[in-house]
Amino acid sequence: MLQDIRVRQRDLLLQLIRLMTQELDLDTLLSRMLRISIELLSGTSGFIALSSPTSGWTVKAGYGMTGAMIKYIETYLEHFPTDDQPDNLRPIEINMLIDRVRNQPEFNVTDGLGLPLVHGGLRLGIIVIFRTFRSEFSANDLTLLRDFAGQAAVAVRNAALYTDNLRGRMQTDAILNALSDGIVATDSRGVVTRVNPSFARMFGFAEESFIGMPHDELIRLTGQISGMTLAEGIAGGWPFTSRSLLTVEGDLILRDDPIQTVPVSIKYVPILNEANQLLSMIASVQDISKLREADALKNTFISTVSHELKTPVALIKGYASTMQREDGHWDQALMSESLRVIEEEADRLTELINDLLDASRMMSGTLRLNRIDFSLRDLSERVASRLQSQTNRHRIRTFFPKDFPTVYADPDRIEQVLSNLLANAIKYTRGGRIDVRGSVEGDRVRVSVLDEGDGVKPEDVPSLFEKFFRAKETAASANGVGLGLYISNAIIEGHGGKLTAGNRKDRKGADFSFTLPLGDASGPDYFRLPASLSG
């Protein structure tokens, strides 16, 4: 009989060993370990509770116990210490818990045996086995449970480490998947072991298709390369330490077509072991297309503004210097003409400065719209009359229905838009009629400025409302920095309307139109440039 018991105990211990090596899910592991220990000690019920400094004590596995019994035990465990020092949990405290449970008749417990789970000097929890029949636990039972508790603590620790590692990997995966920059990981030989979705999207392939590729076949740069490539860095001894970053910029070749490229900035970070040997490498690949566009836009801005400032400043200085010469004799007509030129060029400078300030205010969200109800027809007629006085080559006319409704908008800003559209029609056409037409379209009004010029080229339409854009055919013949339509579009969109550009359907010429909503709920008092305009 004794031999049979020992064989049974050996079989159960073998099951425990297999369980420890095969099962890493903590909840499943604890549940199966508990059942083995109960069978090993001829118990009828029991539990395993784990301790955490942050969440306290929790019954992680129970067998043969009612919900009320588990709740009672967890309530009692709230008085147990929650730090991980084994000396802070003495056997007498576990025995007091067993006595408490045994003294509750509804739990039907006759005796119990419990020990702390300790590994590496750290207390992880406790295990308690109950019996419902008259048979005290023997010294051999205590030895078995002590051996079991030691093995169980090792298993719990390993499972907890696996869970922490799995959680860390999931967090790493989530971070890599959320990054907008491409990430490429390689081993010490430079073979790709992983890429994130952002990098895969650059190429248009699945992430798995990059695994196993040599780095130098995947990362191929062309164009103007700035910095040191990985091959050049390794030839020079890189990496020297774990903080030896390597940065290079160039055009990344996509697929096998050198024409399909994307400008990128790549930063290489080495991962070294304690012997300073390269284990792996992480490359962060950032698409810098927008940065290059911003640089190009900045250069365009400096060039355009410098050119536009040069002419009026030179004229103002030239006329003012000439008029100040003591050896000159100027009649009234010449004086008046000189002062007129100075005033016009000063107005041109003022207009340029105001456009730049408006663009800046819109980008920062500090441009205010002072809305009121006003007659858009009267405003259009007034602007048309003012612009007519500036040209004798054009005939500006307005056409509005008599019952044209009032609008709730900022009259100064709408006047700025109308003035800009009419000024462009005068500037970019040799002569002819310019019509300003108003109409009502459901819950909106439309105002159109139509000229008899050469019209708008279809390929220029998508870029007309961009900052500093000027069509090649007109850039050389008319001054300006390309902010007028950009600002006008932002003002109309800030009112909840839309500005469009195209060609007339009835005859040759351009058609610039904008809509405004009717009513008094057309948007906030302050507005920021729409995303499509902010560049």
Protein backbone atom coordinates (compact mmCIF):
# COMPACT_ATOMS: atom_id res chain seq x y z
CA MET A 1 0.00 0.00 0.00
CA LEU A 2 2.83 2.39 0.93
CA GLN A 3 4.59 1.51 -2.34
CA ASP A 4 1.42 2.44 -4.29
CA ILE A 5 1.22 5.82 -2.55
CA ARG A 6 4.84 6.58 -3.37
CA VAL A 7 4.34 5.58 -7.01
CA ARG A 8 1.29 7.84 -7.15
CA GLN A 9 3.27 10.70 -5.60
CA ARG A 10 6.08 10.15 -8.11
CA ASP A 11 3.61 10.24 -11.02
CA LEU A 12 2.07 13.47 -9.76
CA LEU A 13 5.48 15.07 -9.35
CA LEU A 14 6.34 14.05 -12.91
CA GLN A 15 3.12 15.70 -14.05
CA LEU A 16 4.18 18.82 -12.19
CA ILE A 17 7.58 18.83 -13.92
CA ARG A 18 5.98 18.44 -17.36
CA LEU A 19 3.48 21.16 -16.53
CA MET A 20 6.25 23.57 -15.55
CA THR A 21 8.08 23.02 -18.84
CA GLN A 22 5.04 23.07 -21.14
CA GLU A 23 2.54 25.56 -19.72
CA LEU A 24 3.34 29.29 -19.50
CA ASP A 25 -0.15 30.76 -19.20
CA LEU A 26 -0.19 31.78 -15.54
CA ASP A 27 -3.88 31.19 -14.80
CA THR A 28 -3.89 27.76 -16.43
CA LEU A 29 -0.62 26.85 -14.74
CA LEU A 30 -1.85 27.78 -11.25
CA SER A 31 -5.15 25.95 -11.68
CA ARG A 32 -3.51 22.71 -12.80
CA MET A 33 -0.76 22.96 -10.17
CA LEU A 34 -3.37 23.39 -7.46
CA ARG A 35 -5.28 20.30 -8.52
CA ILE A 36 -2.08 18.22 -8.56
CA SER A 37 -1.14 19.41 -5.07
CA ILE A 38 -4.62 18.67 -3.71
CA GLU A 39 -4.48 15.16 -5.15
CA LEU A 40 -0.90 14.74 -3.92
CA LEU A 41 -1.94 15.49 -0.33
CA SER A 42 -5.36 13.82 -0.46
CA GLY A 43 -7.01 17.19 0.01
CA THR A 44 -10.58 18.16 -0.86
CA SER A 45 -10.15 21.86 -1.68
CA GLY A 46 -7.58 24.61 -1.70
CA PHE A 47 -6.38 27.85 -3.23
CA ILE A 48 -3.32 29.72 -4.47
CA ALA A 49 -3.15 33.44 -3.79
CA LEU A 50 -0.54 35.79 -5.21
CA SER A 51 0.70 39.06 -3.78
CA SER A 52 1.49 42.30 -5.58
CA PRO A 53 2.71 45.59 -4.04
CA THR A 54 0.35 47.45 -6.38
CA SER A 55 -2.81 45.30 -6.47
CA GLY A 56 -2.49 43.48 -3.11
CA TRP A 57 -3.55 39.86 -2.53
CA THR A 58 -5.70 37.99 -5.05
CA VAL A 59 -6.91 34.38 -5.13
CA LYS A 60 -5.64 33.32 -8.57
CA ALA A 61 -6.73 29.66 -8.42
CA GLY A 62 -9.30 27.80 -6.33
CA TYR A 63 -10.65 24.26 -6.29
CA GLY A 64 -13.56 22.76 -4.37
CA MET A 65 -14.44 26.19 -2.92
CA THR A 66 -17.60 28.28 -3.08
CA GLY A 67 -17.60 31.91 -4.17
CA ALA A 68 -18.43 32.98 -0.61
CA MET A 69 -15.43 31.05 0.69
CA ILE A 70 -13.07 32.71 -1.82
CA LYS A 71 -14.52 36.13 -0.97
CA TYR A 72 -14.02 35.46 2.76
CA ILE A 73 -10.38 34.44 2.19
CA GLU A 74 -9.62 37.51 0.02
CA THR A 75 -11.11 39.78 2.67
CA TYR A 76 -8.89 38.19 5.32
CA LEU A 77 -5.84 38.45 3.01
CA GLU A 78 -6.26 42.22 2.90
CA HIS A 79 -4.55 42.27 6.33
CA PHE A 80 -1.52 40.34 5.06
CA PRO A 81 1.66 42.29 4.16
CA THR A 82 1.95 43.03 0.43
CA ASP A 83 5.70 43.62 0.10
CA ASP A 84 7.81 40.80 -1.30
CA GLN A 85 9.99 40.00 1.75
CA PRO A 86 9.34 36.39 2.93
CA ASP A 87 10.13 37.22 6.57
CA ASN A 88 7.06 39.47 6.64
CA LEU A 89 4.73 36.47 6.24
CA ARG A 90 5.18 33.88 9.01
CA PRO A 91 3.61 30.39 9.08
CA ILE A 92 1.57 31.43 12.13
CA GLU A 93 -0.30 33.97 9.97
CA ILE A 94 -1.18 31.29 7.42
CA ASN A 95 -2.28 28.98 10.24
CA MET A 96 -4.49 31.76 11.63
CA LEU A 97 -6.14 32.07 8.22
CA ILE A 98 -6.74 28.28 8.17
CA ASP A 99 -8.26 28.41 11.67
CA ARG A 100 -10.57 31.25 10.60
CA VAL A 101 -11.82 29.21 7.65
CA ARG A 102 -12.14 26.04 9.76
CA ASN A 103 -14.25 27.90 12.34
CA GLN A 104 -16.84 28.78 9.66
CA PRO A 105 -19.29 25.81 9.71
CA GLU A 106 -20.69 26.63 6.27
CA PHE A 107 -17.28 26.05 4.68
CA ASN A 108 -17.09 22.41 5.93
CA VAL A 109 -13.30 22.46 6.53
CA THR A 110 -11.73 20.13 9.12
CA ASP A 111 -8.03 20.91 8.70
CA GLY A 112 -5.63 22.73 6.41
CA LEU A 113 -1.98 23.09 5.51
CA GLY A 114 -0.36 26.12 3.90
CA LEU A 115 3.03 27.51 2.99
CA PRO A 116 4.37 30.65 1.33
CA LEU A 117 5.60 30.50 -2.28
CA VAL A 118 9.15 31.83 -2.16
CA HIS A 119 11.66 32.12 -4.98
CA GLY A 120 15.04 33.84 -4.95
CA GLY A 121 14.31 35.41 -1.58
CA LEU A 122 11.06 36.92 -2.83
CA ARG A 123 7.63 35.95 -1.52
CA LEU A 124 5.25 35.44 -4.45
CA GLY A 125 2.15 34.16 -2.66
CA ILE A 126 0.76 31.29 -0.60
CA ILE A 127 -0.75 27.85 -1.22
CA VAL A 128 -3.26 26.29 1.15
CA ILE A 129 -4.77 22.78 1.03
CA PHE A 130 -7.94 21.87 2.99
CA ARG A 131 -9.49 18.57 4.08
CA THR A 132 -13.09 17.98 5.02
CA PHE A 133 -12.48 14.70 6.87
CA ARG A 134 -10.82 13.81 10.16
CA SER A 135 -7.18 13.26 9.25
CA GLU A 136 -4.44 15.64 10.27
CA PHE A 137 -1.62 16.50 7.87
CA SER A 138 1.52 14.51 8.62
CA ALA A 139 5.17 15.55 8.63
CA ASN A 140 5.50 13.81 5.26
CA ASP A 141 2.61 15.93 3.94
CA LEU A 142 4.41 19.06 5.08
CA THR A 143 7.62 17.91 3.36
CA LEU A 144 5.74 17.17 0.15
CA LEU A 145 3.97 20.53 0.21
CA ARG A 146 7.25 22.31 0.96
CA ASP A 147 8.92 20.66 -2.04
CA PHE A 148 5.86 21.36 -4.14
CA ALA A 149 5.68 25.00 -3.00
CA GLY A 150 9.31 25.50 -3.98
CA GLN A 151 8.72 24.07 -7.45
CA ALA A 152 5.45 25.96 -7.75
CA ALA A 153 7.19 29.25 -6.88
CA VAL A 154 9.72 28.62 -9.67
CA ALA A 155 6.91 27.91 -12.11
CA VAL A 156 4.95 30.98 -11.02
CA ARG A 157 8.03 33.15 -11.39
CA ASN A 158 8.78 31.79 -14.86
CA ALA A 159 5.19 32.22 -15.97
CA ALA A 160 5.11 35.75 -14.59
CA LEU A 161 8.34 36.58 -16.43
CA TYR A 162 6.90 35.10 -19.61
CA THR A 163 3.72 37.14 -19.17
CA ASP A 164 5.73 40.30 -18.57
CA ASN A 165 7.86 39.54 -21.60
CA LEU A 166 4.76 38.89 -23.72
CA ARG A 167 3.19 42.12 -22.49
CA GLY A 168 6.39 43.97 -23.31
CA ARG A 169 6.42 42.48 -26.80
CA MET A 170 2.80 43.48 -27.31
CA GLN A 171 3.59 47.01 -26.18
CA THR A 172 6.60 47.10 -28.50
CA ASP A 173 4.44 45.86 -31.38
CA ALA A 174 1.82 48.51 -30.64
CA ILE A 175 4.45 51.26 -30.56
CA LEU A 176 6.10 50.12 -33.80
CA ASN A 177 2.75 49.79 -35.55
CA ALA A 178 1.70 53.28 -34.44
CA LEU A 179 4.89 55.02 -35.57
CA SER A 180 4.55 57.13 -38.69
CA ASP A 181 8.26 56.65 -39.46
CA GLY A 182 9.44 53.42 -41.02
CA ILE A 183 11.40 51.02 -38.80
CA VAL A 184 13.79 48.33 -40.05
CA ALA A 185 15.48 45.88 -37.66
CA THR A 186 18.40 43.70 -38.74
CA ASP A 187 20.61 41.11 -37.11
CA SER A 188 24.37 41.51 -36.64
CA ARG A 189 24.97 40.49 -40.28
CA GLY A 190 22.64 43.17 -41.63
CA VAL A 191 19.83 40.77 -42.56
CA VAL A 192 16.35 42.23 -42.05
CA THR A 193 14.44 40.60 -39.20
CA ARG A 194 11.50 42.97 -38.98
CA VAL A 195 9.88 46.05 -40.51
CA ASN A 196 6.89 48.02 -39.28
CA PRO A 197 3.71 48.83 -41.30
CA SER A 198 4.83 52.40 -42.08
CA PHE A 199 7.96 51.14 -43.84
CA ALA A 200 6.01 48.49 -45.73
CA ARG A 201 3.56 51.15 -46.96
CA MET A 202 6.42 53.12 -48.53
CA PHE A 203 7.09 50.18 -50.84
CA GLY A 204 3.53 48.90 -51.15
CA PHE A 205 4.45 45.36 -50.08
CA ALA A 206 3.51 43.17 -47.11
CA GLU A 207 5.80 43.32 -44.07
CA GLU A 208 6.73 39.65 -44.41
CA SER A 209 8.19 40.17 -47.88
CA PHE A 210 11.14 42.12 -46.43
CA ILE A 211 12.20 39.51 -43.86
CA GLY A 212 15.54 37.90 -44.76
CA MET A 213 16.61 40.60 -47.22
CA PRO A 214 20.13 42.02 -46.86
CA HIS A 215 20.06 45.63 -45.70
CA ASP A 216 22.08 46.86 -48.69
CA GLU A 217 19.55 45.37 -51.12
CA LEU A 218 16.63 46.98 -49.33
CA ILE A 219 18.03 50.41 -48.48
CA ARG A 220 19.38 51.90 -51.71
CA LEU A 221 19.87 55.64 -51.88
CA THR A 222 20.27 57.84 -54.92
CA GLY A 223 20.27 61.55 -55.71
CA GLN A 224 22.09 64.00 -53.48
CA ILE A 225 23.20 61.97 -50.45
CA SER A 226 23.97 63.88 -47.27
CA GLY A 227 25.83 62.23 -44.41
CA MET A 228 27.50 58.84 -44.19
CA THR A 229 25.85 55.70 -45.56
CA LEU A 230 25.80 52.54 -43.45
CA ALA A 231 28.43 50.86 -45.63
CA GLU A 232 30.73 53.89 -45.28
CA GLY A 233 30.14 53.98 -41.54
CA ILE A 234 30.95 50.29 -41.04
CA ALA A 235 34.07 50.69 -43.17
CA GLY A 236 35.15 53.44 -40.76
CA GLY A 237 34.60 51.29 -37.68
CA TRP A 238 30.99 52.11 -36.77
CA PRO A 239 29.56 51.52 -34.23
CA PHE A 240 32.11 52.57 -31.65
CA THR A 241 29.66 52.52 -28.70
CA SER A 242 25.96 51.90 -28.13
CA ARG A 243 25.43 55.67 -28.54
CA SER A 244 27.10 55.86 -31.95
CA LEU A 245 24.25 57.09 -34.12
CA LEU A 246 24.59 57.23 -37.90
CA THR A 247 22.43 59.57 -40.01
CA VAL A 248 22.13 59.79 -43.77
CA GLU A 249 19.69 61.56 -46.14
CA GLY A 250 18.94 60.76 -49.75
CA ASP A 251 16.30 59.44 -52.15
CA LEU A 252 15.23 55.89 -51.27
CA ILE A 253 14.69 53.73 -54.36
CA LEU A 254 11.34 51.94 -54.20
CA ARG A 255 11.00 48.50 -55.78
CA ASP A 256 13.40 48.06 -58.69
CA ASP A 257 12.64 51.32 -60.49
CA PRO A 258 15.20 54.11 -59.85
CA ILE A 259 12.57 56.64 -60.95
CA GLN A 260 10.28 55.75 -58.04
CA THR A 261 11.96 57.30 -55.04
CA VAL A 262 11.03 59.02 -51.81
CA PRO A 263 13.29 61.46 -49.95
CA VAL A 264 14.20 60.01 -46.56
CA SER A 265 16.33 60.63 -43.50
CA ILE A 266 17.65 57.40 -41.95
CA LYS A 267 19.03 57.10 -38.42
CA TYR A 268 20.85 53.92 -37.43
CA VAL A 269 20.99 52.83 -33.78
CA PRO A 270 23.25 49.86 -32.82
CA ILE A 271 22.38 47.32 -30.10
CA LEU A 272 25.55 45.98 -28.49
CA ASN A 273 26.26 43.34 -25.87
CA GLU A 274 28.46 43.82 -22.81
CA ALA A 275 31.54 43.03 -24.91
CA ASN A 276 30.64 45.90 -27.25
CA GLN A 277 29.78 43.47 -30.05
CA LEU A 278 26.96 44.26 -32.47
CA LEU A 279 23.86 42.16 -31.82
CA SER A 280 21.37 43.95 -34.04
CA MET A 281 20.62 47.29 -35.60
CA ILE A 282 17.55 49.52 -35.78
CA ALA A 283 17.04 51.93 -38.70
CA SER A 284 14.45 54.71 -38.41
CA VAL A 285 13.38 55.78 -41.91
CA GLN A 286 11.61 59.15 -42.01
CA ASP A 287 9.84 60.44 -45.10
CA ILE A 288 11.09 64.03 -45.47
CA SER A 289 9.04 64.95 -48.52
CA LYS A 290 7.17 67.66 -46.61
CA LEU A 291 10.41 68.99 -45.14
CA ARG A 292 11.86 69.32 -48.62
CA GLU A 293 8.67 71.00 -49.80
CA ALA A 294 8.93 73.40 -46.85
CA ASP A 295 12.55 74.19 -47.76
CA ALA A 296 11.56 74.78 -51.38
CA LEU A 297 8.66 76.95 -50.22
CA LYS A 298 10.98 78.94 -47.95
CA ASN A 299 13.43 79.49 -50.80
CA THR A 300 10.57 80.53 -53.08
CA PHE A 301 9.29 82.92 -50.43
CA ILE A 302 12.69 84.56 -49.92
CA SER A 303 13.30 84.84 -53.66
CA THR A 304 9.81 86.14 -54.47
CA VAL A 305 9.56 88.62 -51.63
CA SER A 306 13.09 89.88 -52.24
CA HIS A 307 12.24 90.49 -55.90
CA GLU A 308 8.94 92.19 -55.08
CA LEU A 309 10.54 94.43 -52.46
CA LYS A 310 13.44 95.41 -54.67
CA THR A 311 11.45 97.26 -57.35
CA PRO A 312 9.26 99.55 -55.17
CA VAL A 313 12.13 100.31 -52.78
CA ALA A 314 14.40 101.21 -55.70
CA LEU A 315 11.73 103.44 -57.28
CA ILE A 316 10.90 105.21 -54.01
CA LYS A 317 14.57 105.78 -53.23
CA GLY A 318 15.33 106.86 -56.81
CA TYR A 319 12.52 109.43 -57.06
CA ALA A 320 13.11 110.73 -53.52
CA SER A 321 16.88 111.12 -54.13
CA THR A 322 16.27 112.86 -57.46
CA MET A 323 13.79 115.31 -55.94
CA GLN A 324 16.29 116.19 -53.21
CA ARG A 325 19.07 117.19 -55.60
CA GLU A 326 19.92 120.88 -55.20
CA ASP A 327 20.99 121.30 -58.82
CA GLY A 328 17.65 120.14 -60.18
CA HIS A 329 14.70 122.27 -61.23
CA TRP A 330 11.35 120.51 -61.14
CA ASP A 331 8.09 121.87 -62.47
CA GLN A 332 4.80 121.07 -60.74
CA ALA A 333 3.78 118.39 -63.22
CA LEU A 334 7.03 116.47 -62.78
CA MET A 335 6.80 116.82 -58.99
CA SER A 336 3.24 115.51 -59.05
CA GLU A 337 4.21 112.55 -61.24
CA SER A 338 7.16 111.69 -58.98
CA LEU A 339 5.02 111.84 -55.86
CA ARG A 340 2.37 109.71 -57.56
CA VAL A 341 4.95 107.00 -58.32
CA ILE A 342 6.24 107.12 -54.74
CA GLU A 343 2.69 106.81 -53.38
CA GLU A 344 1.83 103.90 -55.70
CA GLU A 345 4.98 102.00 -54.79
CA ALA A 346 4.38 102.67 -51.09
CA ASP A 347 0.86 101.28 -51.52
CA ARG A 348 2.35 98.26 -53.25
CA LEU A 349 4.66 97.69 -50.28
CA THR A 350 1.76 98.11 -47.87
CA GLU A 351 -0.30 95.56 -49.78
CA LEU A 352 2.58 93.08 -49.74
CA ILE A 353 3.13 93.52 -46.00
CA ASN A 354 -0.60 93.14 -45.30
CA ASP A 355 -0.74 89.94 -47.33
CA LEU A 356 2.19 88.48 -45.41
CA LEU A 357 0.62 89.48 -42.09
CA ASP A 358 -2.73 87.97 -43.06
CA ALA A 359 -1.07 84.71 -44.08
CA SER A 360 0.78 84.61 -40.76
CA ARG A 361 -2.38 85.35 -38.75
CA MET A 362 -4.35 82.66 -40.55
CA MET A 363 -1.66 80.05 -39.95
CA SER A 364 -1.59 80.89 -36.24
CA GLY A 365 -5.38 81.05 -35.95
CA THR A 366 -5.49 84.70 -34.87
CA LEU A 367 -7.29 86.23 -37.87
CA ARG A 368 -10.63 87.53 -36.65
CA LEU A 369 -13.82 87.62 -38.69
CA ASN A 370 -16.13 90.47 -37.68
CA ARG A 371 -19.45 89.26 -39.05
CA ILE A 372 -22.46 91.48 -39.66
CA ASP A 373 -25.45 91.49 -42.01
CA PHE A 374 -24.70 93.54 -45.11
CA SER A 375 -25.62 93.90 -48.76
CA LEU A 376 -23.18 91.95 -50.89
CA ARG A 377 -24.64 93.62 -53.99
CA ASP A 378 -23.82 97.13 -52.69
CA LEU A 379 -20.34 96.05 -51.65
CA SER A 380 -19.67 94.53 -55.10
CA GLU A 381 -20.82 97.69 -56.87
CA ARG A 382 -18.59 99.83 -54.64
CA VAL A 383 -15.52 97.64 -55.23
CA ALA A 384 -16.19 97.53 -58.99
CA SER A 385 -16.44 101.35 -59.11
CA ARG A 386 -13.17 101.75 -57.22
CA LEU A 387 -11.28 99.27 -59.42
CA GLN A 388 -12.76 100.82 -62.58
CA SER A 389 -10.94 104.05 -61.75
CA GLN A 390 -7.64 102.18 -61.97
CA THR A 391 -8.01 101.03 -65.60
CA ASN A 392 -9.12 102.47 -68.90
CA ARG A 393 -8.63 99.21 -70.80
CA HIS A 394 -11.43 97.34 -69.07
CA ARG A 395 -15.14 97.83 -68.48
CA ILE A 396 -16.28 96.49 -65.11
CA ARG A 397 -20.02 95.80 -64.67
CA THR A 398 -22.11 94.20 -61.91
CA PHE A 399 -25.22 92.04 -62.34
CA PHE A 400 -27.24 91.17 -59.22
CA PRO A 401 -30.95 90.34 -58.85
CA LYS A 402 -32.99 93.07 -57.20
CA ASP A 403 -34.05 90.73 -54.39
CA PHE A 404 -30.50 89.50 -53.75
CA PRO A 405 -30.38 88.64 -50.00
CA THR A 406 -28.04 90.09 -47.40
CA VAL A 407 -25.28 87.87 -46.04
CA TYR A 408 -23.85 87.42 -42.54
CA ALA A 409 -20.11 87.77 -43.04
CA ASP A 410 -17.10 90.04 -42.53
CA PRO A 411 -17.57 92.84 -45.12
CA ASP A 412 -13.93 93.96 -44.95
CA ARG A 413 -12.64 90.45 -45.67
CA ILE A 414 -15.18 89.83 -48.44
CA GLU A 415 -14.18 93.18 -49.95
CA GLN A 416 -10.56 92.00 -49.79
CA VAL A 417 -11.51 88.87 -51.75
CA LEU A 418 -13.51 90.78 -54.36
CA SER A 419 -10.75 93.37 -54.75
CA ASN A 420 -8.21 90.63 -55.27
CA LEU A 421 -10.29 88.83 -57.90
CA LEU A 422 -10.99 92.04 -59.81
CA ALA A 423 -7.38 93.21 -59.54
CA ASN A 424 -6.23 89.86 -60.96
CA ALA A 425 -8.71 90.16 -63.83
CA ILE A 426 -7.31 93.62 -64.64
CA LYS A 427 -3.71 92.53 -64.18
CA TYR A 428 -3.81 89.35 -66.24
CA THR A 429 -6.04 90.41 -69.17
CA ARG A 430 -5.20 92.88 -71.91
CA GLY A 431 -8.64 94.47 -71.88
CA GLY A 432 -12.35 93.87 -72.40
CA ARG A 433 -15.31 93.36 -70.12
CA ILE A 434 -15.11 92.16 -66.54
CA ASP A 435 -18.46 91.05 -65.13
CA VAL A 436 -19.34 90.58 -61.46
CA ARG A 437 -22.44 88.40 -61.24
CA GLY A 438 -24.46 87.36 -58.19
CA SER A 439 -26.94 84.49 -57.88
CA VAL A 440 -28.76 82.49 -55.21
CA GLU A 441 -28.25 78.71 -55.07
CA GLY A 442 -30.46 77.17 -52.40
CA ASP A 443 -29.04 78.09 -48.99
CA ARG A 444 -26.01 79.83 -50.52
CA VAL A 445 -25.16 82.83 -52.65
CA ARG A 446 -22.61 82.82 -55.44
CA VAL A 447 -20.51 85.72 -56.72
CA SER A 448 -18.58 85.23 -59.98
CA VAL A 449 -15.88 87.41 -61.55
CA LEU A 450 -15.65 86.74 -65.29
CA ASP A 451 -13.10 88.30 -67.66
CA GLU A 452 -12.31 88.10 -71.38
CA GLY A 453 -8.66 87.10 -71.11
CA ASP A 454 -6.86 83.93 -72.12
CA GLY A 455 -8.43 81.91 -69.33
CA VAL A 456 -6.84 79.50 -66.88
CA LYS A 457 -4.77 76.54 -68.00
CA PRO A 458 -6.29 73.27 -66.65
CA GLU A 459 -2.91 72.10 -65.32
CA ASP A 460 -2.62 75.27 -63.21
CA VAL A 461 -6.04 74.97 -61.51
CA PRO A 462 -4.96 72.54 -58.70
CA SER A 463 -2.11 74.91 -57.68
CA LEU A 464 -3.84 78.29 -57.98
CA PHE A 465 -4.62 78.54 -54.25
CA GLU A 466 -1.21 77.42 -53.01
CA LYS A 467 1.22 79.79 -51.32
CA PHE A 468 3.47 81.73 -53.74
CA PHE A 469 2.14 79.94 -56.83
CA ARG A 470 2.24 81.96 -60.04
CA ALA A 471 1.60 80.62 -63.53
CA LYS A 472 4.72 80.64 -65.70
CA GLU A 473 3.00 82.55 -68.51
CA THR A 474 2.03 85.47 -66.26
CA ALA A 475 4.79 85.53 -63.62
CA ALA A 476 7.16 87.55 -65.82
CA SER A 477 4.57 90.08 -66.99
CA ALA A 478 2.86 91.02 -63.70
CA ASN A 479 4.11 91.69 -60.21
CA GLY A 480 2.94 89.87 -57.09
CA VAL A 481 4.08 87.19 -54.68
CA GLY A 482 1.29 84.65 -55.17
CA LEU A 483 -0.51 85.20 -51.86
CA GLY A 484 -3.71 86.87 -53.06
CA LEU A 485 -5.67 83.77 -54.08
CA TYR A 486 -4.14 81.80 -51.21
CA ILE A 487 -5.50 84.31 -48.67
CA SER A 488 -8.81 84.76 -50.52
CA ASN A 489 -9.41 81.01 -50.50
CA ALA A 490 -8.69 80.83 -46.77
CA ILE A 491 -11.08 83.74 -46.05
CA ILE A 492 -13.92 82.15 -48.03
CA GLU A 493 -13.37 78.73 -46.41
CA GLY A 494 -13.24 80.48 -43.02
CA HIS A 495 -16.77 81.74 -43.76
CA GLY A 496 -17.92 78.23 -44.60
CA GLY A 497 -17.91 78.90 -48.36
CA LYS A 498 -15.87 77.72 -51.33
CA LEU A 499 -13.69 79.53 -53.89
CA THR A 500 -13.36 77.92 -57.33
CA ALA A 501 -11.41 78.71 -60.48
CA GLY A 502 -12.02 77.75 -64.10
CA ASN A 503 -12.90 79.06 -67.53
CA ARG A 504 -16.09 80.66 -68.78
CA LYS A 505 -18.53 78.42 -70.57
CA ASP A 506 -20.06 81.16 -72.75
CA ARG A 507 -16.83 82.59 -74.19
CA LYS A 508 -13.07 82.72 -73.74
CA GLY A 509 -11.94 83.97 -70.36
CA ALA A 510 -11.54 83.03 -66.68
CA ASP A 511 -14.29 82.47 -64.11
CA PHE A 512 -13.41 82.89 -60.42
CA SER A 513 -16.42 82.29 -58.16
CA PHE A 514 -17.04 82.03 -54.43
CA THR A 515 -20.03 80.95 -52.40
CA LEU A 516 -21.18 82.08 -48.96
CA PRO A 517 -23.80 80.40 -46.77
CA LEU A 518 -27.00 82.25 -45.93
CA GLY A 519 -27.91 82.55 -42.25
CA ASP A 520 -26.00 83.54 -39.11
CA ALA A 521 -24.24 80.28 -38.16
CA SER A 522 -21.37 80.23 -40.62
CA GLY A 523 -18.42 79.50 -38.31
CA PRO A 524 -16.21 80.78 -35.46
CA ASP A 525 -15.02 84.35 -35.07
CA TYR A 526 -11.39 83.20 -35.25
CA PHE A 527 -10.22 80.70 -37.80
CA ARG A 528 -7.10 78.85 -38.76
CA LEU A 529 -6.01 77.98 -42.27
CA PRO A 530 -7.67 74.76 -43.46
CA ALA A 531 -5.35 71.76 -43.58
CA SER A 532 -5.42 71.87 -47.36
CA LEU A 533 -3.96 75.40 -47.26
CA SER A 534 -1.62 75.42 -44.30
CA GLY A 535 1.10 73.52 -46.17
